[in-house]
Amino acid sequence: MFIFAILGFVAIFWCALTGLVKLIPWLVLLVIITSVISFFDKYWLLILISVPLFALFYYLQEKEREIRHNKKSLTNEIEK
């Protein structure tokens, strides 16, 4: 997406040099849209990867606590 933004800036510069002023607002809009998409793309991917991992680790931690609790109760019963 960043490459599209660079291409947009190059296209804006070219339009300014050749006098195609009517295309400049559309190219500015294109650059803004691609920049926003790349920003959300980066952080949404981060969120979509990290949140399920945190949920998985929490689940595994709870399972481990349950296993430890069962072992402690089992050893307490054996000692009685």
PDB file of N, CA and C in Angstrom:
ATOM      1  N   MET A   1       0.814  -1.192   0.000  1.00  0.00           N
ATOM      2  CA  MET A   1       0.000   0.000   0.000  1.00  0.00           C
ATOM      3  C   MET A   1       0.863   1.264   0.000  1.00  0.00           C
ATOM      4  N   PHE A   2       1.988   1.158   0.679  1.00  0.00           N
ATOM      5  CA  PHE A   2       2.885   2.307   0.731  1.00  0.00           C
ATOM      6  C   PHE A   2       3.403   2.645  -0.668  1.00  0.00           C
ATOM      7  N   ILE A   3       3.601   1.606  -1.466  1.00  0.00           N
ATOM      8  CA  ILE A   3       4.067   1.815  -2.841  1.00  0.00           C
ATOM      9  C   ILE A   3       3.014   2.582  -3.650  1.00  0.00           C
ATOM     10  N   PHE A   4       1.727   2.265  -3.417  1.00  0.00           N
ATOM     11  CA  PHE A   4       0.667   3.001  -4.099  1.00  0.00           C
ATOM     12  C   PHE A   4       0.679   4.473  -3.715  1.00  0.00           C
ATOM     13  N   ALA A   5       0.983   4.751  -2.440  1.00  0.00           N
ATOM     14  CA  ALA A   5       1.045   6.152  -2.000  1.00  0.00           C
ATOM     15  C   ALA A   5       2.184   6.876  -2.702  1.00  0.00           C
ATOM     16  N   ILE A   6       3.326   6.220  -2.830  1.00  0.00           N
ATOM     17  CA  ILE A   6       4.460   6.839  -3.526  1.00  0.00           C
ATOM     18  C   ILE A   6       4.111   7.080  -4.990  1.00  0.00           C
ATOM     19  N   LEU A   7       3.480   6.092  -5.612  1.00  0.00           N
ATOM     20  CA  LEU A   7       3.062   6.260  -7.007  1.00  0.00           C
ATOM     21  C   LEU A   7       2.061   7.410  -7.133  1.00  0.00           C
ATOM     22  N   GLY A   8       1.207   7.566  -6.143  1.00  0.00           N
ATOM     23  CA  GLY A   8       0.262   8.671  -6.157  1.00  0.00           C
ATOM     24  C   GLY A   8       0.966  10.015  -6.101  1.00  0.00           C
ATOM     25  N   PHE A   9       1.976  10.127  -5.237  1.00  0.00           N
ATOM     26  CA  PHE A   9       2.728  11.381  -5.162  1.00  0.00           C
ATOM     27  C   PHE A   9       3.470  11.674  -6.474  1.00  0.00           C
ATOM     28  N   VAL A  10       4.007  10.649  -7.073  1.00  0.00           N
ATOM     29  CA  VAL A  10       4.686  10.837  -8.362  1.00  0.00           C
ATOM     30  C   VAL A  10       3.682  11.292  -9.418  1.00  0.00           C
ATOM     31  N   ALA A  11       2.501  10.693  -9.404  1.00  0.00           N
ATOM     32  CA  ALA A  11       1.471  11.082 -10.370  1.00  0.00           C
ATOM     33  C   ALA A  11       1.009  12.521 -10.135  1.00  0.00           C
ATOM     34  N   ILE A  12       0.906  12.927  -8.882  1.00  0.00           N
ATOM     35  CA  ILE A  12       0.535  14.317  -8.582  1.00  0.00           C
ATOM     36  C   ILE A  12       1.599  15.276  -9.117  1.00  0.00           C
ATOM     37  N   PHE A  13       2.858  14.952  -8.898  1.00  0.00           N
ATOM     38  CA  PHE A  13       3.941  15.802  -9.391  1.00  0.00           C
ATOM     39  C   PHE A  13       3.910  15.886 -10.913  1.00  0.00           C
ATOM     40  N   TRP A  14       3.667  14.758 -11.568  1.00  0.00           N
ATOM     41  CA  TRP A  14       3.602  14.734 -13.028  1.00  0.00           C
ATOM     42  C   TRP A  14       2.439  15.582 -13.532  1.00  0.00           C
ATOM     43  N   CYS A  15       1.292  15.462 -12.853  1.00  0.00           N
ATOM     44  CA  CYS A  15       0.133  16.260 -13.262  1.00  0.00           C
ATOM     45  C   CYS A  15       0.390  17.747 -13.068  1.00  0.00           C
ATOM     46  N   ALA A  16       1.096  18.076 -11.992  1.00  0.00           N
ATOM     47  CA  ALA A  16       1.400  19.487 -11.762  1.00  0.00           C
ATOM     48  C   ALA A  16       2.324  20.016 -12.851  1.00  0.00           C
ATOM     49  N   LEU A  17       3.254  19.194 -13.296  1.00  0.00           N
ATOM     50  CA  LEU A  17       4.176  19.633 -14.330  1.00  0.00           C
ATOM     51  C   LEU A  17       3.503  19.747 -15.698  1.00  0.00           C
ATOM     52  N   THR A  18       2.594  18.871 -16.000  1.00  0.00           N
ATOM     53  CA  THR A  18       1.988  18.879 -17.331  1.00  0.00           C
ATOM     54  C   THR A  18       0.732  19.739 -17.394  1.00  0.00           C
ATOM     55  N   GLY A  19       0.242  20.189 -16.272  1.00  0.00           N
ATOM     56  CA  GLY A  19      -0.911  21.071 -16.278  1.00  0.00           C
ATOM     57  C   GLY A  19      -2.252  20.366 -16.212  1.00  0.00           C
ATOM     58  N   LEU A  20      -2.262  19.114 -15.851  1.00  0.00           N
ATOM     59  CA  LEU A  20      -3.531  18.385 -15.737  1.00  0.00           C
ATOM     60  C   LEU A  20      -4.097  18.577 -14.327  1.00  0.00           C
ATOM     61  N   VAL A  21      -4.561  19.771 -14.087  1.00  0.00           N
ATOM     62  CA  VAL A  21      -4.981  20.163 -12.742  1.00  0.00           C
ATOM     63  C   VAL A  21      -6.268  19.447 -12.325  1.00  0.00           C
ATOM     64  N   LYS A  22      -7.076  19.034 -13.271  1.00  0.00           N
ATOM     65  CA  LYS A  22      -8.339  18.382 -12.933  1.00  0.00           C
ATOM     66  C   LYS A  22      -8.124  17.025 -12.253  1.00  0.00           C
ATOM     67  N   LEU A  23      -7.003  16.380 -12.499  1.00  0.00           N
ATOM     68  CA  LEU A  23      -6.758  15.066 -11.910  1.00  0.00           C
ATOM     69  C   LEU A  23      -6.158  15.138 -10.510  1.00  0.00           C
ATOM     70  N   ILE A  24      -5.628  16.263 -10.129  1.00  0.00           N
ATOM     71  CA  ILE A  24      -4.926  16.353  -8.848  1.00  0.00           C
ATOM     72  C   ILE A  24      -5.832  16.038  -7.651  1.00  0.00           C
ATOM     73  N   PRO A  25      -7.062  16.567  -7.557  1.00  0.00           N
ATOM     74  CA  PRO A  25      -7.893  16.210  -6.391  1.00  0.00           C
ATOM     75  C   PRO A  25      -8.180  14.716  -6.298  1.00  0.00           C
ATOM     76  N   TRP A  26      -8.366  14.069  -7.450  1.00  0.00           N
ATOM     77  CA  TRP A  26      -8.608  12.627  -7.427  1.00  0.00           C
ATOM     78  C   TRP A  26      -7.370  11.862  -6.982  1.00  0.00           C
ATOM     79  N   LEU A  27      -6.220  12.326  -7.387  1.00  0.00           N
ATOM     80  CA  LEU A  27      -4.992  11.652  -6.976  1.00  0.00           C
ATOM     81  C   LEU A  27      -4.703  11.874  -5.494  1.00  0.00           C
ATOM     82  N   VAL A  28      -5.005  13.059  -4.997  1.00  0.00           N
ATOM     83  CA  VAL A  28      -4.852  13.309  -3.559  1.00  0.00           C
ATOM     84  C   VAL A  28      -5.789  12.392  -2.786  1.00  0.00           C
ATOM     85  N   LEU A  29      -7.009  12.261  -3.241  1.00  0.00           N
ATOM     86  CA  LEU A  29      -7.958  11.356  -2.608  1.00  0.00           C
ATOM     87  C   LEU A  29      -7.454   9.912  -2.649  1.00  0.00           C
ATOM     88  N   LEU A  30      -6.871   9.513  -3.762  1.00  0.00           N
ATOM     89  CA  LEU A  30      -6.315   8.167  -3.884  1.00  0.00           C
ATOM     90  C   LEU A  30      -5.180   7.941  -2.893  1.00  0.00           C
ATOM     91  N   VAL A  31      -4.316   8.918  -2.736  1.00  0.00           N
ATOM     92  CA  VAL A  31      -3.213   8.795  -1.788  1.00  0.00           C
ATOM     93  C   VAL A  31      -3.736   8.693  -0.364  1.00  0.00           C
ATOM     94  N   ILE A  32      -4.722   9.509  -0.028  1.00  0.00           N
ATOM     95  CA  ILE A  32      -5.284   9.458   1.328  1.00  0.00           C
ATOM     96  C   ILE A  32      -5.940   8.107   1.591  1.00  0.00           C
ATOM     97  N   ILE A  33      -6.697   7.619   0.630  1.00  0.00           N
ATOM     98  CA  ILE A  33      -7.388   6.336   0.808  1.00  0.00           C
ATOM     99  C   ILE A  33      -6.390   5.195   0.968  1.00  0.00           C
ATOM    100  N   THR A  34      -5.361   5.158   0.130  1.00  0.00           N
ATOM    101  CA  THR A  34      -4.387   4.068   0.246  1.00  0.00           C
ATOM    102  C   THR A  34      -3.589   4.167   1.548  1.00  0.00           C
ATOM    103  N   SER A  35      -3.318   5.362   2.011  1.00  0.00           N
ATOM    104  CA  SER A  35      -2.608   5.503   3.283  1.00  0.00           C
ATOM    105  C   SER A  35      -3.461   5.020   4.442  1.00  0.00           C
ATOM    106  N   VAL A  36      -4.734   5.355   4.416  1.00  0.00           N
ATOM    107  CA  VAL A  36      -5.641   4.908   5.481  1.00  0.00           C
ATOM    108  C   VAL A  36      -5.798   3.391   5.440  1.00  0.00           C
ATOM    109  N   ILE A  37      -5.923   2.835   4.255  1.00  0.00           N
ATOM    110  CA  ILE A  37      -6.046   1.373   4.130  1.00  0.00           C
ATOM    111  C   ILE A  37      -4.795   0.684   4.663  1.00  0.00           C
ATOM    112  N   SER A  38      -3.633   1.192   4.332  1.00  0.00           N
ATOM    113  CA  SER A  38      -2.404   0.552   4.806  1.00  0.00           C
ATOM    114  C   SER A  38      -2.265   0.684   6.317  1.00  0.00           C
ATOM    115  N   PHE A  39      -2.698   1.823   6.901  1.00  0.00           N
ATOM    116  CA  PHE A  39      -2.648   1.994   8.351  1.00  0.00           C
ATOM    117  C   PHE A  39      -3.537   0.972   9.041  1.00  0.00           C
ATOM    118  N   PHE A  40      -4.815   0.869   8.591  1.00  0.00           N
ATOM    119  CA  PHE A  40      -5.724  -0.077   9.219  1.00  0.00           C
ATOM    120  C   PHE A  40      -5.317  -1.516   8.931  1.00  0.00           C
ATOM    121  N   ASP A  41      -4.770  -1.764   7.755  1.00  0.00           N
ATOM    122  CA  ASP A  41      -4.329  -3.108   7.403  1.00  0.00           C
ATOM    123  C   ASP A  41      -3.253  -3.581   8.367  1.00  0.00           C
ATOM    124  N   LYS A  42      -2.321  -2.710   8.666  1.00  0.00           N
ATOM    125  CA  LYS A  42      -1.228  -3.065   9.568  1.00  0.00           C
ATOM    126  C   LYS A  42      -1.761  -3.366  10.964  1.00  0.00           C
ATOM    127  N   TYR A  43      -2.591  -2.486  11.511  1.00  0.00           N
ATOM    128  CA  TYR A  43      -3.039  -2.663  12.881  1.00  0.00           C
ATOM    129  C   TYR A  43      -4.147  -3.699  13.006  1.00  0.00           C
ATOM    130  N   TRP A  44      -4.993  -3.846  11.981  1.00  0.00           N
ATOM    131  CA  TRP A  44      -5.997  -4.898  12.063  1.00  0.00           C
ATOM    132  C   TRP A  44      -5.355  -6.273  12.020  1.00  0.00           C
ATOM    133  N   LEU A  45      -4.312  -6.426  11.218  1.00  0.00           N
ATOM    134  CA  LEU A  45      -3.604  -7.704  11.218  1.00  0.00           C
ATOM    135  C   LEU A  45      -2.979  -7.982  12.578  1.00  0.00           C
ATOM    136  N   LEU A  46      -2.419  -6.951  13.179  1.00  0.00           N
ATOM    137  CA  LEU A  46      -1.840  -7.109  14.509  1.00  0.00           C
ATOM    138  C   LEU A  46      -2.909  -7.525  15.514  1.00  0.00           C
ATOM    139  N   ILE A  47      -4.064  -6.905  15.457  1.00  0.00           N
ATOM    140  CA  ILE A  47      -5.153  -7.239  16.378  1.00  0.00           C
ATOM    141  C   ILE A  47      -5.682  -8.647  16.102  1.00  0.00           C
ATOM    142  N   LEU A  48      -5.860  -8.977  14.819  1.00  0.00           N
ATOM    143  CA  LEU A  48      -6.403 -10.289  14.480  1.00  0.00           C
ATOM    144  C   LEU A  48      -5.464 -11.428  14.840  1.00  0.00           C
ATOM    145  N   ILE A  49      -4.175 -11.137  14.947  1.00  0.00           N
ATOM    146  CA  ILE A  49      -3.226 -12.172  15.337  1.00  0.00           C
ATOM    147  C   ILE A  49      -3.055 -12.229  16.846  1.00  0.00           C
ATOM    148  N   SER A  50      -2.948 -11.076  17.507  1.00  0.00           N
ATOM    149  CA  SER A  50      -2.614 -11.071  18.927  1.00  0.00           C
ATOM    150  C   SER A  50      -3.797 -11.436  19.820  1.00  0.00           C
ATOM    151  N   VAL A  51      -5.003 -11.015  19.511  1.00  0.00           N
ATOM    152  CA  VAL A  51      -6.149 -11.299  20.385  1.00  0.00           C
ATOM    153  C   VAL A  51      -6.432 -12.801  20.482  1.00  0.00           C
ATOM    154  N   PRO A  52      -6.490 -13.547  19.376  1.00  0.00           N
ATOM    155  CA  PRO A  52      -6.677 -15.000  19.534  1.00  0.00           C
ATOM    156  C   PRO A  52      -5.517 -15.679  20.274  1.00  0.00           C
ATOM    157  N   LEU A  53      -4.308 -15.176  20.088  1.00  0.00           N
ATOM    158  CA  LEU A  53      -3.192 -15.762  20.826  1.00  0.00           C
ATOM    159  C   LEU A  53      -3.332 -15.526  22.327  1.00  0.00           C
ATOM    160  N   PHE A  54      -3.735 -14.326  22.720  1.00  0.00           N
ATOM    161  CA  PHE A  54      -3.952 -14.057  24.136  1.00  0.00           C
ATOM    162  C   PHE A  54      -5.064 -14.944  24.690  1.00  0.00           C
ATOM    163  N   ALA A  55      -6.125 -15.131  23.928  1.00  0.00           N
ATOM    164  CA  ALA A  55      -7.218 -15.993  24.369  1.00  0.00           C
ATOM    165  C   ALA A  55      -6.747 -17.438  24.505  1.00  0.00           C
ATOM    166  N   LEU A  56      -5.947 -17.892  23.567  1.00  0.00           N
ATOM    167  CA  LEU A  56      -5.413 -19.256  23.639  1.00  0.00           C
ATOM    168  C   LEU A  56      -4.521 -19.438  24.859  1.00  0.00           C
ATOM    169  N   PHE A  57      -3.633 -18.473  25.118  1.00  0.00           N
ATOM    170  CA  PHE A  57      -2.745 -18.572  26.276  1.00  0.00           C
ATOM    171  C   PHE A  57      -3.524 -18.538  27.581  1.00  0.00           C
ATOM    172  N   TYR A  58      -4.584 -17.730  27.639  1.00  0.00           N
ATOM    173  CA  TYR A  58      -5.415 -17.687  28.840  1.00  0.00           C
ATOM    174  C   TYR A  58      -6.097 -19.032  29.060  1.00  0.00           C
ATOM    175  N   TYR A  59      -6.621 -19.615  27.988  1.00  0.00           N
ATOM    176  CA  TYR A  59      -7.269 -20.925  28.079  1.00  0.00           C
ATOM    177  C   TYR A  59      -6.283 -21.991  28.556  1.00  0.00           C
ATOM    178  N   LEU A  60      -5.076 -21.990  27.990  1.00  0.00           N
ATOM    179  CA  LEU A  60      -4.074 -22.975  28.400  1.00  0.00           C
ATOM    180  C   LEU A  60      -3.650 -22.779  29.850  1.00  0.00           C
ATOM    181  N   GLN A  61      -3.572 -21.536  30.289  1.00  0.00           N
ATOM    182  CA  GLN A  61      -3.218 -21.254  31.677  1.00  0.00           C
ATOM    183  C   GLN A  61      -4.300 -21.779  32.622  1.00  0.00           C
ATOM    184  N   GLU A  62      -5.552 -21.581  32.265  1.00  0.00           N
ATOM    185  CA  GLU A  62      -6.639 -22.075  33.102  1.00  0.00           C
ATOM    186  C   GLU A  62      -6.643 -23.603  33.149  1.00  0.00           C
ATOM    187  N   LYS A  63      -6.362 -24.238  32.040  1.00  0.00           N
ATOM    188  CA  LYS A  63      -6.280 -25.698  32.017  1.00  0.00           C
ATOM    189  C   LYS A  63      -5.155 -26.189  32.928  1.00  0.00           C
ATOM    190  N   GLU A  64      -4.008 -25.497  32.879  1.00  0.00           N
ATOM    191  CA  GLU A  64      -2.880 -25.886  33.718  1.00  0.00           C
ATOM    192  C   GLU A  64      -3.232 -25.713  35.198  1.00  0.00           C
ATOM    193  N   ARG A  65      -3.913 -24.633  35.540  1.00  0.00           N
ATOM    194  CA  ARG A  65      -4.331 -24.430  36.926  1.00  0.00           C
ATOM    195  C   ARG A  65      -5.292 -25.527  37.378  1.00  0.00           C
ATOM    196  N   GLU A  66      -6.195 -25.920  36.480  1.00  0.00           N
ATOM    197  CA  GLU A  66      -7.139 -26.980  36.806  1.00  0.00           C
ATOM    198  C   GLU A  66      -6.415 -28.300  37.037  1.00  0.00           C
ATOM    199  N   ILE A  67      -5.423 -28.592  36.203  1.00  0.00           N
ATOM    200  CA  ILE A  67      -4.655 -29.829  36.362  1.00  0.00           C
ATOM    201  C   ILE A  67      -3.884 -29.801  37.676  1.00  0.00           C
ATOM    202  N   ARG A  68      -3.258 -28.675  38.005  1.00  0.00           N
ATOM    203  CA  ARG A  68      -2.519 -28.567  39.266  1.00  0.00           C
ATOM    204  C   ARG A  68      -3.457 -28.717  40.466  1.00  0.00           C
ATOM    205  N   HIS A  69      -4.638 -28.122  40.378  1.00  0.00           N
ATOM    206  CA  HIS A  69      -5.595 -28.221  41.471  1.00  0.00           C
ATOM    207  C   HIS A  69      -6.042 -29.671  41.653  1.00  0.00           C
ATOM    208  N   ASN A  70      -6.272 -30.378  40.541  1.00  0.00           N
ATOM    209  CA  ASN A  70      -6.672 -31.783  40.617  1.00  0.00           C
ATOM    210  C   ASN A  70      -5.561 -32.636  41.205  1.00  0.00           C
ATOM    211  N   LYS A  71      -4.315 -32.344  40.864  1.00  0.00           N
ATOM    212  CA  LYS A  71      -3.190 -33.102  41.427  1.00  0.00           C
ATOM    213  C   LYS A  71      -3.076 -32.878  42.927  1.00  0.00           C
ATOM    214  N   LYS A  72      -3.272 -31.614  43.367  1.00  0.00           N
ATOM    215  CA  LYS A  72      -3.190 -31.320  44.795  1.00  0.00           C
ATOM    216  C   LYS A  72      -4.307 -32.018  45.564  1.00  0.00           C
ATOM    217  N   SER A  73      -5.511 -31.994  45.016  1.00  0.00           N
ATOM    218  CA  SER A  73      -6.618 -32.656  45.709  1.00  0.00           C
ATOM    219  C   SER A  73      -6.431 -34.166  45.714  1.00  0.00           C
ATOM    220  N   LEU A  74      -5.840 -34.716  44.663  1.00  0.00           N
ATOM    221  CA  LEU A  74      -5.594 -36.146  44.601  1.00  0.00           C
ATOM    222  C   LEU A  74      -4.538 -36.553  45.615  1.00  0.00           C
ATOM    223  N   THR A  75      -3.473 -35.761  45.758  1.00  0.00           N
ATOM    224  CA  THR A  75      -2.428 -36.094  46.742  1.00  0.00           C
ATOM    225  C   THR A  75      -2.955 -35.919  48.151  1.00  0.00           C
ATOM    226  N   ASN A  76      -3.854 -34.970  48.378  1.00  0.00           N
ATOM    227  CA  ASN A  76      -4.460 -34.797  49.705  1.00  0.00           C
ATOM    228  C   ASN A  76      -5.329 -36.008  50.068  1.00  0.00           C
ATOM    229  N   GLU A  77      -6.041 -36.550  49.094  1.00  0.00           N
ATOM    230  CA  GLU A  77      -6.870 -37.734  49.356  1.00  0.00           C
ATOM    231  C   GLU A  77      -6.020 -38.953  49.633  1.00  0.00           C
ATOM    232  N   ILE A  78      -4.896 -39.076  48.928  1.00  0.00           N
ATOM    233  CA  ILE A  78      -4.018 -40.220  49.120  1.00  0.00           C
ATOM    234  C   ILE A  78      -3.382 -40.159  50.509  1.00  0.00           C
ATOM    235  N   GLU A  79      -3.003 -38.965  50.970  1.00  0.00           N
ATOM    236  CA  GLU A  79      -2.361 -38.814  52.271  1.00  0.00           C
ATOM    237  C   GLU A  79      -3.315 -39.107  53.422  1.00  0.00           C
ATOM    238  N   LYS A  80      -4.622 -38.934  53.222  1.00  0.00           N
ATOM    239  CA  LYS A  80      -5.582 -39.182  54.303  1.00  0.00           C
ATOM    240  C   LYS A  80      -5.695 -40.653  54.480  1.00  0.00           C
TER     241      LYS A  80
END
